[in-house]
Amino acid sequence: MSDWDAEAVRVRLRAKTSRYELRPPLPEAEVRAFEAEHGIRLPEEYRTFVTTAPSTG
């Protein structure tokens, strides 16, 4: 994992002044399907984020 602070990102995204809303985390199988369809491998930090970040809604 890199040196970014995942919890700090979550806190900022949950802030009342934030205009962003996160969807629920993606299942790992869905991420793998996306990668296979596009012939890519997402960066590990991004994969972790989209599969674990809690929704803000």
N, C-alpha and C. Protein backbone atom coordinates (compact mmCIF):
# COMPACT_ATOMS: atom_id res chain seq x y z
N MET A 1 0.85 -1.17 0.00
CA MET A 1 0.00 0.00 0.00
C MET A 1 0.90 1.23 0.00
N SER A 2 0.44 2.28 -0.64
CA SER A 2 1.24 3.50 -0.69
C SER A 2 1.06 4.29 0.60
N ASP A 3 1.58 5.51 0.60
CA ASP A 3 1.57 6.30 1.82
C ASP A 3 0.32 7.19 1.97
N TRP A 4 -0.72 7.01 1.15
CA TRP A 4 -1.93 7.82 1.29
C TRP A 4 -2.72 7.34 2.50
N ASP A 5 -3.44 8.25 3.10
CA ASP A 5 -4.18 7.97 4.33
C ASP A 5 -5.65 7.73 3.99
N ALA A 6 -6.05 6.48 3.90
CA ALA A 6 -7.41 6.12 3.50
C ALA A 6 -8.45 6.69 4.45
N GLU A 7 -8.18 6.65 5.74
CA GLU A 7 -9.15 7.17 6.70
C GLU A 7 -9.35 8.68 6.54
N ALA A 8 -8.27 9.41 6.25
CA ALA A 8 -8.40 10.85 6.02
C ALA A 8 -9.26 11.13 4.80
N VAL A 9 -9.13 10.31 3.77
CA VAL A 9 -9.96 10.47 2.57
C VAL A 9 -11.43 10.22 2.93
N ARG A 10 -11.69 9.16 3.69
CA ARG A 10 -13.07 8.85 4.09
C ARG A 10 -13.68 10.00 4.89
N VAL A 11 -12.91 10.57 5.82
CA VAL A 11 -13.41 11.67 6.65
C VAL A 11 -13.76 12.87 5.77
N ARG A 12 -12.89 13.20 4.85
CA ARG A 12 -13.15 14.35 3.98
C ARG A 12 -14.36 14.12 3.10
N LEU A 13 -14.54 12.89 2.63
CA LEU A 13 -15.67 12.60 1.77
C LEU A 13 -16.99 12.61 2.53
N ARG A 14 -16.93 12.35 3.84
CA ARG A 14 -18.14 12.36 4.65
C ARG A 14 -18.49 13.75 5.17
N ALA A 15 -17.59 14.71 5.00
CA ALA A 15 -17.81 16.06 5.52
C ALA A 15 -19.10 16.66 4.95
N LYS A 16 -19.81 17.41 5.77
CA LYS A 16 -21.09 17.99 5.34
C LYS A 16 -20.92 18.96 4.18
N THR A 17 -19.76 19.58 4.07
CA THR A 17 -19.53 20.52 2.98
C THR A 17 -19.17 19.81 1.68
N SER A 18 -18.97 18.53 1.75
CA SER A 18 -18.62 17.77 0.55
C SER A 18 -19.81 17.65 -0.38
N ARG A 19 -19.56 17.73 -1.64
CA ARG A 19 -20.64 17.56 -2.62
C ARG A 19 -20.55 16.19 -3.29
N TYR A 20 -19.73 15.32 -2.75
CA TYR A 20 -19.54 13.99 -3.32
C TYR A 20 -20.32 12.95 -2.53
N GLU A 21 -20.83 11.98 -3.24
CA GLU A 21 -21.48 10.85 -2.60
C GLU A 21 -20.85 9.59 -3.15
N LEU A 22 -20.49 8.69 -2.27
CA LEU A 22 -19.90 7.43 -2.71
C LEU A 22 -20.98 6.37 -2.80
N ARG A 23 -20.85 5.53 -3.77
CA ARG A 23 -21.71 4.36 -3.88
C ARG A 23 -21.15 3.29 -2.97
N PRO A 24 -21.92 2.24 -2.72
CA PRO A 24 -21.39 1.14 -1.91
C PRO A 24 -20.15 0.52 -2.57
N PRO A 25 -19.29 -0.11 -1.79
CA PRO A 25 -18.10 -0.74 -2.36
C PRO A 25 -18.46 -1.75 -3.45
N LEU A 26 -17.58 -1.88 -4.43
CA LEU A 26 -17.79 -2.84 -5.51
C LEU A 26 -17.30 -4.22 -5.09
N PRO A 27 -17.99 -5.26 -5.52
CA PRO A 27 -17.48 -6.61 -5.27
C PRO A 27 -16.21 -6.83 -6.09
N GLU A 28 -15.28 -7.58 -5.55
CA GLU A 28 -14.03 -7.88 -6.23
C GLU A 28 -14.29 -8.48 -7.61
N ALA A 29 -15.30 -9.34 -7.73
CA ALA A 29 -15.61 -9.97 -9.02
C ALA A 29 -15.99 -8.92 -10.07
N GLU A 30 -16.68 -7.88 -9.65
CA GLU A 30 -17.06 -6.82 -10.59
C GLU A 30 -15.84 -6.04 -11.07
N VAL A 31 -14.90 -5.80 -10.17
CA VAL A 31 -13.66 -5.11 -10.55
C VAL A 31 -12.88 -5.98 -11.53
N ARG A 32 -12.77 -7.28 -11.25
CA ARG A 32 -12.05 -8.19 -12.16
C ARG A 32 -12.72 -8.23 -13.53
N ALA A 33 -14.06 -8.24 -13.56
CA ALA A 33 -14.78 -8.25 -14.83
C ALA A 33 -14.49 -6.98 -15.63
N PHE A 34 -14.49 -5.84 -14.95
CA PHE A 34 -14.18 -4.57 -15.61
C PHE A 34 -12.77 -4.61 -16.21
N GLU A 35 -11.82 -5.08 -15.42
CA GLU A 35 -10.44 -5.17 -15.89
C GLU A 35 -10.33 -6.09 -17.10
N ALA A 36 -10.99 -7.24 -17.05
CA ALA A 36 -10.94 -8.19 -18.16
C ALA A 36 -11.58 -7.59 -19.42
N GLU A 37 -12.70 -6.93 -19.25
CA GLU A 37 -13.40 -6.33 -20.39
C GLU A 37 -12.54 -5.28 -21.09
N HIS A 38 -11.76 -4.54 -20.30
CA HIS A 38 -10.96 -3.45 -20.86
C HIS A 38 -9.49 -3.81 -21.05
N GLY A 39 -9.13 -5.03 -20.69
CA GLY A 39 -7.75 -5.49 -20.87
C GLY A 39 -6.74 -4.70 -20.05
N ILE A 40 -7.12 -4.34 -18.83
CA ILE A 40 -6.25 -3.54 -17.97
C ILE A 40 -6.19 -4.14 -16.57
N ARG A 41 -5.29 -3.61 -15.77
CA ARG A 41 -5.21 -3.92 -14.34
C ARG A 41 -5.21 -2.57 -13.63
N LEU A 42 -6.22 -2.33 -12.80
CA LEU A 42 -6.29 -1.07 -12.06
C LEU A 42 -5.18 -1.02 -11.02
N PRO A 43 -4.68 0.18 -10.69
CA PRO A 43 -3.68 0.29 -9.62
C PRO A 43 -4.23 -0.29 -8.31
N GLU A 44 -3.39 -0.96 -7.57
CA GLU A 44 -3.81 -1.65 -6.34
C GLU A 44 -4.48 -0.70 -5.35
N GLU A 45 -3.97 0.51 -5.20
CA GLU A 45 -4.56 1.46 -4.26
C GLU A 45 -5.99 1.81 -4.68
N TYR A 46 -6.22 1.97 -5.98
CA TYR A 46 -7.56 2.30 -6.46
C TYR A 46 -8.49 1.10 -6.28
N ARG A 47 -8.00 -0.10 -6.56
CA ARG A 47 -8.81 -1.31 -6.37
C ARG A 47 -9.24 -1.42 -4.90
N THR A 48 -8.31 -1.15 -4.00
CA THR A 48 -8.62 -1.20 -2.57
C THR A 48 -9.70 -0.17 -2.24
N PHE A 49 -9.56 1.03 -2.77
CA PHE A 49 -10.52 2.09 -2.49
C PHE A 49 -11.92 1.71 -2.97
N VAL A 50 -12.05 1.26 -4.21
CA VAL A 50 -13.39 1.00 -4.76
C VAL A 50 -14.02 -0.27 -4.17
N THR A 51 -13.22 -1.12 -3.56
CA THR A 51 -13.79 -2.34 -2.96
C THR A 51 -13.99 -2.22 -1.46
N THR A 52 -13.53 -1.13 -0.83
CA THR A 52 -13.65 -1.02 0.62
C THR A 52 -14.23 0.29 1.12
N ALA A 53 -14.23 1.35 0.33
CA ALA A 53 -14.70 2.65 0.80
C ALA A 53 -16.19 2.60 1.12
N PRO A 54 -16.59 3.04 2.29
CA PRO A 54 -18.01 2.99 2.66
C PRO A 54 -18.80 4.05 1.90
N SER A 55 -20.05 3.78 1.62
CA SER A 55 -20.89 4.77 0.91
C SER A 55 -21.18 5.93 1.85
N THR A 56 -21.48 7.08 1.26
CA THR A 56 -21.77 8.28 2.05
C THR A 56 -23.26 8.59 2.08
N GLY A 57 -24.05 7.77 1.42
CA GLY A 57 -25.48 8.07 1.31
C GLY A 57 -26.29 7.61 2.43
